Amino acid sequence: MYPEERVPLRLRGKRGIVFGNLEQIYKFHNDLFLKQLEFYNEHPERIGTCFIQHSSEFQLYSTYCRNRPNSEALLVESPECKSFFKEIQIRLAHQLPLNSYLIKPIQRITKYQLLLKDMIKYSLNLVKL
């Protein structure tokens, strides 16, 4: 955590806008969903059950997506904010800027659908053999 006095005034108290509910999404995946997916590792044909059981938790992504334009606007609207996050990026030796990481949850939710479709497709191909 950065000392409050080093955070640009435009960003103070706006952690929820910048990061949205990213922490909730992380906890859902780390504490619950990943463990359930690992449980189905031996029975991949049942993995859809895991998604159905946790369909309400996937609403976290809707909340995140609705907040994303506010987050992006805050990150790019001021040179002070841009330089603040650039400084952190350099200090942490991250190759990508913060915006590149904040888009990941949106990319992930769309990949789940593709993953499930591929699993069905390849499962059906196995049945035909």
N, C-alpha and C. Protein backbone atom coordinates (compact mmCIF):
# COMPACT_ATOMS: atom_id res chain seq x y z
N MET A 1 0.83 -1.17 0.00
CA MET A 1 0.00 0.00 0.00
C MET A 1 0.89 1.25 0.00
N TYR A 2 0.51 2.19 -0.81
CA TYR A 2 1.26 3.43 -0.93
C TYR A 2 0.86 4.38 0.19
N PRO A 3 1.81 5.16 0.73
CA PRO A 3 1.44 6.17 1.73
C PRO A 3 0.45 7.17 1.12
N GLU A 4 -0.55 7.53 1.86
CA GLU A 4 -1.63 8.40 1.37
C GLU A 4 -1.10 9.70 0.77
N GLU A 5 -0.07 10.26 1.37
CA GLU A 5 0.44 11.54 0.88
C GLU A 5 1.13 11.44 -0.49
N ARG A 6 1.49 10.22 -0.90
CA ARG A 6 2.11 10.03 -2.21
C ARG A 6 1.07 9.79 -3.32
N VAL A 7 -0.13 9.50 -2.92
CA VAL A 7 -1.21 9.24 -3.88
C VAL A 7 -1.75 10.57 -4.39
N PRO A 8 -1.88 10.72 -5.72
CA PRO A 8 -2.43 11.97 -6.26
C PRO A 8 -3.81 12.28 -5.67
N LEU A 9 -4.09 13.54 -5.48
CA LEU A 9 -5.37 13.95 -4.89
C LEU A 9 -6.56 13.38 -5.65
N ARG A 10 -6.47 13.32 -6.97
CA ARG A 10 -7.59 12.80 -7.79
C ARG A 10 -7.89 11.34 -7.49
N LEU A 11 -6.90 10.62 -6.96
CA LEU A 11 -7.08 9.19 -6.70
C LEU A 11 -7.43 8.87 -5.25
N ARG A 12 -7.21 9.79 -4.37
CA ARG A 12 -7.43 9.51 -2.94
C ARG A 12 -8.88 9.15 -2.69
N GLY A 13 -9.07 8.04 -2.00
CA GLY A 13 -10.41 7.57 -1.67
C GLY A 13 -11.14 6.93 -2.84
N LYS A 14 -10.43 6.70 -3.95
CA LYS A 14 -11.10 6.16 -5.14
C LYS A 14 -10.57 4.77 -5.52
N ARG A 15 -10.06 4.07 -4.55
CA ARG A 15 -9.56 2.72 -4.80
C ARG A 15 -10.65 1.84 -5.40
N GLY A 16 -11.87 1.97 -4.89
CA GLY A 16 -13.00 1.19 -5.40
C GLY A 16 -13.33 1.49 -6.84
N ILE A 17 -13.09 2.73 -7.26
CA ILE A 17 -13.34 3.08 -8.65
C ILE A 17 -12.23 2.52 -9.53
N VAL A 18 -10.99 2.67 -9.09
CA VAL A 18 -9.85 2.20 -9.89
C VAL A 18 -9.89 0.68 -10.05
N PHE A 19 -10.07 -0.03 -8.95
CA PHE A 19 -9.97 -1.49 -8.97
C PHE A 19 -11.32 -2.20 -8.97
N GLY A 20 -12.40 -1.46 -8.79
CA GLY A 20 -13.71 -2.08 -8.77
C GLY A 20 -13.79 -3.15 -7.68
N ASN A 21 -14.42 -4.24 -8.01
CA ASN A 21 -14.55 -5.35 -7.06
C ASN A 21 -13.56 -6.47 -7.38
N LEU A 22 -12.40 -6.08 -7.87
CA LEU A 22 -11.37 -7.04 -8.25
C LEU A 22 -10.99 -7.97 -7.10
N GLU A 23 -10.95 -7.44 -5.90
CA GLU A 23 -10.60 -8.26 -4.75
C GLU A 23 -11.66 -9.35 -4.51
N GLN A 24 -12.92 -9.02 -4.69
CA GLN A 24 -13.98 -10.02 -4.55
C GLN A 24 -13.85 -11.11 -5.61
N ILE A 25 -13.55 -10.71 -6.83
CA ILE A 25 -13.37 -11.68 -7.92
C ILE A 25 -12.20 -12.61 -7.59
N TYR A 26 -11.12 -12.02 -7.11
CA TYR A 26 -9.95 -12.82 -6.73
C TYR A 26 -10.31 -13.83 -5.64
N LYS A 27 -10.99 -13.37 -4.60
CA LYS A 27 -11.36 -14.27 -3.50
C LYS A 27 -12.28 -15.39 -3.99
N PHE A 28 -13.23 -15.06 -4.85
CA PHE A 28 -14.12 -16.08 -5.41
C PHE A 28 -13.31 -17.15 -6.13
N HIS A 29 -12.40 -16.72 -6.98
CA HIS A 29 -11.60 -17.69 -7.74
C HIS A 29 -10.63 -18.45 -6.86
N ASN A 30 -9.93 -17.75 -6.01
CA ASN A 30 -8.89 -18.36 -5.20
C ASN A 30 -9.45 -19.26 -4.10
N ASP A 31 -10.47 -18.80 -3.41
CA ASP A 31 -10.98 -19.53 -2.25
C ASP A 31 -12.04 -20.56 -2.59
N LEU A 32 -12.70 -20.43 -3.72
CA LEU A 32 -13.85 -21.28 -3.99
C LEU A 32 -13.80 -21.96 -5.36
N PHE A 33 -13.80 -21.16 -6.40
CA PHE A 33 -13.97 -21.70 -7.75
C PHE A 33 -12.82 -22.60 -8.17
N LEU A 34 -11.59 -22.20 -7.91
CA LEU A 34 -10.44 -23.00 -8.29
C LEU A 34 -10.48 -24.38 -7.62
N LYS A 35 -10.82 -24.41 -6.35
CA LYS A 35 -10.91 -25.69 -5.63
C LYS A 35 -11.98 -26.60 -6.25
N GLN A 36 -13.09 -25.99 -6.64
CA GLN A 36 -14.16 -26.77 -7.27
C GLN A 36 -13.71 -27.29 -8.63
N LEU A 37 -13.04 -26.45 -9.41
CA LEU A 37 -12.55 -26.89 -10.72
C LEU A 37 -11.56 -28.04 -10.56
N GLU A 38 -10.70 -27.95 -9.58
CA GLU A 38 -9.73 -29.02 -9.33
C GLU A 38 -10.43 -30.31 -8.94
N PHE A 39 -11.54 -30.21 -8.24
CA PHE A 39 -12.31 -31.38 -7.85
C PHE A 39 -12.81 -32.13 -9.09
N TYR A 40 -13.17 -31.37 -10.12
CA TYR A 40 -13.68 -31.97 -11.36
C TYR A 40 -12.56 -32.37 -12.32
N ASN A 41 -11.34 -32.25 -11.91
CA ASN A 41 -10.20 -32.59 -12.76
C ASN A 41 -10.27 -34.03 -13.27
N GLU A 42 -10.73 -34.92 -12.42
CA GLU A 42 -10.83 -36.34 -12.79
C GLU A 42 -12.09 -36.64 -13.60
N HIS A 43 -13.03 -35.71 -13.60
CA HIS A 43 -14.30 -35.88 -14.33
C HIS A 43 -14.62 -34.61 -15.11
N PRO A 44 -13.85 -34.31 -16.14
CA PRO A 44 -14.06 -33.05 -16.86
C PRO A 44 -15.45 -32.93 -17.49
N GLU A 45 -16.12 -34.04 -17.71
CA GLU A 45 -17.46 -33.98 -18.30
C GLU A 45 -18.46 -33.33 -17.34
N ARG A 46 -18.10 -33.22 -16.09
CA ARG A 46 -18.99 -32.62 -15.08
C ARG A 46 -18.64 -31.17 -14.75
N ILE A 47 -17.69 -30.62 -15.44
CA ILE A 47 -17.20 -29.28 -15.10
C ILE A 47 -18.28 -28.21 -15.25
N GLY A 48 -19.22 -28.44 -16.15
CA GLY A 48 -20.33 -27.49 -16.32
C GLY A 48 -21.11 -27.31 -15.04
N THR A 49 -21.18 -28.36 -14.24
CA THR A 49 -21.87 -28.31 -12.96
C THR A 49 -21.26 -27.23 -12.07
N CYS A 50 -19.96 -27.12 -12.11
CA CYS A 50 -19.25 -26.12 -11.31
C CYS A 50 -19.68 -24.71 -11.71
N PHE A 51 -19.81 -24.47 -13.00
CA PHE A 51 -20.23 -23.15 -13.47
C PHE A 51 -21.69 -22.88 -13.07
N ILE A 52 -22.53 -23.88 -13.15
CA ILE A 52 -23.93 -23.72 -12.79
C ILE A 52 -24.07 -23.44 -11.29
N GLN A 53 -23.33 -24.20 -10.48
CA GLN A 53 -23.39 -24.01 -9.03
C GLN A 53 -22.97 -22.60 -8.61
N HIS A 54 -22.10 -22.01 -9.36
CA HIS A 54 -21.57 -20.69 -8.99
C HIS A 54 -22.04 -19.57 -9.92
N SER A 55 -23.14 -19.81 -10.60
CA SER A 55 -23.62 -18.80 -11.56
C SER A 55 -23.89 -17.46 -10.88
N SER A 56 -24.38 -17.47 -9.66
CA SER A 56 -24.65 -16.19 -8.98
C SER A 56 -23.36 -15.43 -8.69
N GLU A 57 -22.28 -16.15 -8.38
CA GLU A 57 -21.01 -15.48 -8.12
C GLU A 57 -20.44 -14.82 -9.37
N PHE A 58 -20.82 -15.32 -10.54
CA PHE A 58 -20.32 -14.72 -11.77
C PHE A 58 -20.92 -13.34 -12.01
N GLN A 59 -21.93 -12.98 -11.21
CA GLN A 59 -22.46 -11.61 -11.27
C GLN A 59 -21.40 -10.60 -10.84
N LEU A 60 -20.38 -11.08 -10.12
CA LEU A 60 -19.27 -10.20 -9.75
C LEU A 60 -18.65 -9.57 -11.00
N TYR A 61 -18.63 -10.33 -12.08
CA TYR A 61 -18.06 -9.82 -13.33
C TYR A 61 -18.93 -8.72 -13.93
N SER A 62 -20.23 -8.82 -13.78
CA SER A 62 -21.12 -7.76 -14.27
C SER A 62 -20.83 -6.46 -13.55
N THR A 63 -20.68 -6.55 -12.25
CA THR A 63 -20.35 -5.37 -11.45
C THR A 63 -19.02 -4.79 -11.90
N TYR A 64 -18.05 -5.66 -12.10
CA TYR A 64 -16.73 -5.22 -12.53
C TYR A 64 -16.80 -4.53 -13.89
N CYS A 65 -17.52 -5.13 -14.82
CA CYS A 65 -17.63 -4.58 -16.18
C CYS A 65 -18.35 -3.23 -16.18
N ARG A 66 -19.36 -3.10 -15.33
CA ARG A 66 -20.08 -1.81 -15.26
C ARG A 66 -19.18 -0.70 -14.71
N ASN A 67 -18.27 -1.06 -13.82
CA ASN A 67 -17.37 -0.07 -13.23
C ASN A 67 -16.19 0.27 -14.14
N ARG A 68 -15.87 -0.59 -15.06
CA ARG A 68 -14.65 -0.46 -15.86
C ARG A 68 -14.53 0.90 -16.58
N PRO A 69 -15.57 1.43 -17.20
CA PRO A 69 -15.42 2.75 -17.84
C PRO A 69 -15.04 3.85 -16.85
N ASN A 70 -15.57 3.80 -15.63
CA ASN A 70 -15.22 4.79 -14.60
C ASN A 70 -13.75 4.65 -14.21
N SER A 71 -13.32 3.41 -14.08
CA SER A 71 -11.92 3.14 -13.73
C SER A 71 -10.99 3.66 -14.82
N GLU A 72 -11.31 3.31 -16.04
CA GLU A 72 -10.46 3.72 -17.16
C GLU A 72 -10.40 5.25 -17.28
N ALA A 73 -11.53 5.90 -17.12
CA ALA A 73 -11.56 7.37 -17.21
C ALA A 73 -10.68 7.99 -16.13
N LEU A 74 -10.75 7.46 -14.93
CA LEU A 74 -9.96 7.98 -13.83
C LEU A 74 -8.46 7.78 -14.09
N LEU A 75 -8.11 6.66 -14.68
CA LEU A 75 -6.70 6.37 -14.91
C LEU A 75 -6.08 7.21 -16.02
N VAL A 76 -6.88 7.62 -16.98
CA VAL A 76 -6.31 8.34 -18.13
C VAL A 76 -6.61 9.84 -18.14
N GLU A 77 -7.45 10.29 -17.22
CA GLU A 77 -7.90 11.69 -17.30
C GLU A 77 -6.85 12.70 -16.86
N SER A 78 -5.90 12.29 -16.04
CA SER A 78 -4.95 13.28 -15.55
C SER A 78 -3.51 12.80 -15.72
N PRO A 79 -2.65 13.69 -16.15
CA PRO A 79 -1.23 13.34 -16.29
C PRO A 79 -0.63 12.90 -14.94
N GLU A 80 -1.13 13.50 -13.87
CA GLU A 80 -0.65 13.15 -12.53
C GLU A 80 -0.94 11.67 -12.20
N CYS A 81 -2.13 11.22 -12.56
CA CYS A 81 -2.50 9.81 -12.32
C CYS A 81 -1.67 8.88 -13.19
N LYS A 82 -1.51 9.27 -14.45
CA LYS A 82 -0.72 8.45 -15.37
C LYS A 82 0.70 8.29 -14.87
N SER A 83 1.32 9.38 -14.45
CA SER A 83 2.71 9.30 -14.00
C SER A 83 2.82 8.53 -12.69
N PHE A 84 1.81 8.64 -11.82
CA PHE A 84 1.80 7.89 -10.57
C PHE A 84 1.82 6.38 -10.83
N PHE A 85 0.94 5.93 -11.71
CA PHE A 85 0.89 4.49 -12.00
C PHE A 85 2.08 4.04 -12.84
N LYS A 86 2.61 4.91 -13.66
CA LYS A 86 3.82 4.59 -14.42
C LYS A 86 5.00 4.37 -13.46
N GLU A 87 5.09 5.22 -12.46
CA GLU A 87 6.15 5.09 -11.45
C GLU A 87 6.04 3.75 -10.72
N ILE A 88 4.83 3.37 -10.36
CA ILE A 88 4.63 2.09 -9.68
C ILE A 88 4.98 0.94 -10.61
N GLN A 89 4.58 1.05 -11.86
CA GLN A 89 4.89 0.01 -12.86
C GLN A 89 6.40 -0.18 -12.96
N ILE A 90 7.14 0.89 -13.03
CA ILE A 90 8.60 0.81 -13.13
C ILE A 90 9.20 0.23 -11.85
N ARG A 91 8.72 0.70 -10.71
CA ARG A 91 9.24 0.23 -9.42
C ARG A 91 9.02 -1.27 -9.24
N LEU A 92 7.87 -1.75 -9.71
CA LEU A 92 7.56 -3.19 -9.58
C LEU A 92 8.10 -4.02 -10.74
N ALA A 93 8.69 -3.35 -11.72
CA ALA A 93 9.25 -4.00 -12.91
C ALA A 93 8.18 -4.78 -13.68
N HIS A 94 6.99 -4.22 -13.75
CA HIS A 94 5.93 -4.82 -14.55
C HIS A 94 6.06 -4.33 -15.98
N GLN A 95 5.93 -5.24 -16.91
CA GLN A 95 6.07 -4.86 -18.31
C GLN A 95 4.85 -4.10 -18.82
N LEU A 96 3.71 -4.44 -18.30
CA LEU A 96 2.46 -3.85 -18.80
C LEU A 96 1.94 -2.78 -17.85
N PRO A 97 1.23 -1.78 -18.38
CA PRO A 97 0.62 -0.77 -17.52
C PRO A 97 -0.59 -1.34 -16.78
N LEU A 98 -1.02 -0.65 -15.76
CA LEU A 98 -2.14 -1.11 -14.93
C LEU A 98 -3.38 -1.43 -15.74
N ASN A 99 -3.71 -0.61 -16.73
CA ASN A 99 -4.90 -0.86 -17.55
C ASN A 99 -4.88 -2.24 -18.20
N SER A 100 -3.70 -2.71 -18.56
CA SER A 100 -3.58 -4.04 -19.18
C SER A 100 -3.95 -5.15 -18.20
N TYR A 101 -3.70 -4.93 -16.94
CA TYR A 101 -4.06 -5.92 -15.92
C TYR A 101 -5.53 -5.81 -15.55
N LEU A 102 -6.05 -4.60 -15.56
CA LEU A 102 -7.45 -4.40 -15.18
C LEU A 102 -8.42 -4.92 -16.23
N ILE A 103 -7.97 -5.15 -17.44
CA ILE A 103 -8.84 -5.70 -18.48
C ILE A 103 -8.92 -7.22 -18.39
N LYS A 104 -8.00 -7.84 -17.67
CA LYS A 104 -7.92 -9.31 -17.60
C LYS A 104 -9.22 -9.98 -17.14
N PRO A 105 -9.90 -9.48 -16.10
CA PRO A 105 -11.15 -10.14 -15.71
C PRO A 105 -12.20 -10.15 -16.82
N ILE A 106 -12.25 -9.09 -17.60
CA ILE A 106 -13.21 -9.03 -18.71
C ILE A 106 -12.83 -10.05 -19.78
N GLN A 107 -11.55 -10.17 -20.03
CA GLN A 107 -11.08 -11.17 -21.00
C GLN A 107 -11.34 -12.59 -20.49
N ARG A 108 -11.18 -12.79 -19.19
CA ARG A 108 -11.37 -14.12 -18.61
C ARG A 108 -12.81 -14.59 -18.75
N ILE A 109 -13.76 -13.71 -18.45
CA ILE A 109 -15.16 -14.13 -18.48
C ILE A 109 -15.58 -14.54 -19.88
N THR A 110 -15.04 -13.89 -20.89
CA THR A 110 -15.40 -14.29 -22.26
C THR A 110 -14.70 -15.59 -22.66
N LYS A 111 -13.56 -15.87 -22.07
CA LYS A 111 -12.84 -17.10 -22.39
C LYS A 111 -13.51 -18.33 -21.79
N TYR A 112 -14.22 -18.15 -20.69
CA TYR A 112 -14.92 -19.30 -20.09
C TYR A 112 -15.90 -19.91 -21.07
N GLN A 113 -16.65 -19.08 -21.75
CA GLN A 113 -17.62 -19.57 -22.71
C GLN A 113 -16.92 -20.36 -23.82
N LEU A 114 -15.82 -19.83 -24.32
CA LEU A 114 -15.06 -20.52 -25.37
C LEU A 114 -14.49 -21.84 -24.87
N LEU A 115 -14.00 -21.83 -23.65
CA LEU A 115 -13.46 -23.05 -23.05
C LEU A 115 -14.53 -24.14 -22.94
N LEU A 116 -15.70 -23.76 -22.46
CA LEU A 116 -16.77 -24.74 -22.33
C LEU A 116 -17.23 -25.27 -23.69
N LYS A 117 -17.31 -24.39 -24.68
CA LYS A 117 -17.69 -24.84 -26.02
C LYS A 117 -16.65 -25.81 -26.58
N ASP A 118 -15.38 -25.51 -26.38
CA ASP A 118 -14.32 -26.42 -26.84
C ASP A 118 -14.37 -27.76 -26.12
N MET A 119 -14.65 -27.72 -24.84
CA MET A 119 -14.73 -28.97 -24.09
C MET A 119 -15.87 -29.84 -24.62
N ILE A 120 -16.99 -29.22 -24.91
CA ILE A 120 -18.13 -29.97 -25.47
C ILE A 120 -17.76 -30.53 -26.84
N LYS A 121 -17.17 -29.70 -27.67
CA LYS A 121 -16.80 -30.12 -29.02
C LYS A 121 -15.84 -31.31 -28.98
N TYR A 122 -14.80 -31.22 -28.18
CA TYR A 122 -13.82 -32.29 -28.14
C TYR A 122 -14.35 -33.52 -27.42
N SER A 123 -15.25 -33.32 -26.47
CA SER A 123 -15.87 -34.46 -25.81
C SER A 123 -16.75 -35.23 -26.79
N LEU A 124 -17.49 -34.50 -27.61
CA LEU A 124 -18.33 -35.13 -28.61
C LEU A 124 -17.49 -35.87 -29.65
N ASN A 125 -16.34 -35.30 -30.01
CA ASN A 125 -15.43 -35.98 -30.94
C ASN A 125 -14.91 -37.28 -30.36
N LEU A 126 -14.65 -37.30 -29.06
CA LEU A 126 -14.18 -38.53 -28.40
C LEU A 126 -15.25 -39.61 -28.40
N VAL A 127 -16.51 -39.17 -28.19
CA VAL A 127 -17.62 -40.12 -28.18
C VAL A 127 -17.78 -40.77 -29.54
N LYS A 128 -17.53 -40.02 -30.61
CA LYS A 128 -17.67 -40.54 -31.98
C LYS A 128 -16.60 -41.59 -32.28
N LEU A 129 -15.45 -41.51 -31.62
CA LEU A 129 -14.38 -42.48 -31.88
C LEU A 129 -14.81 -43.79 -31.30
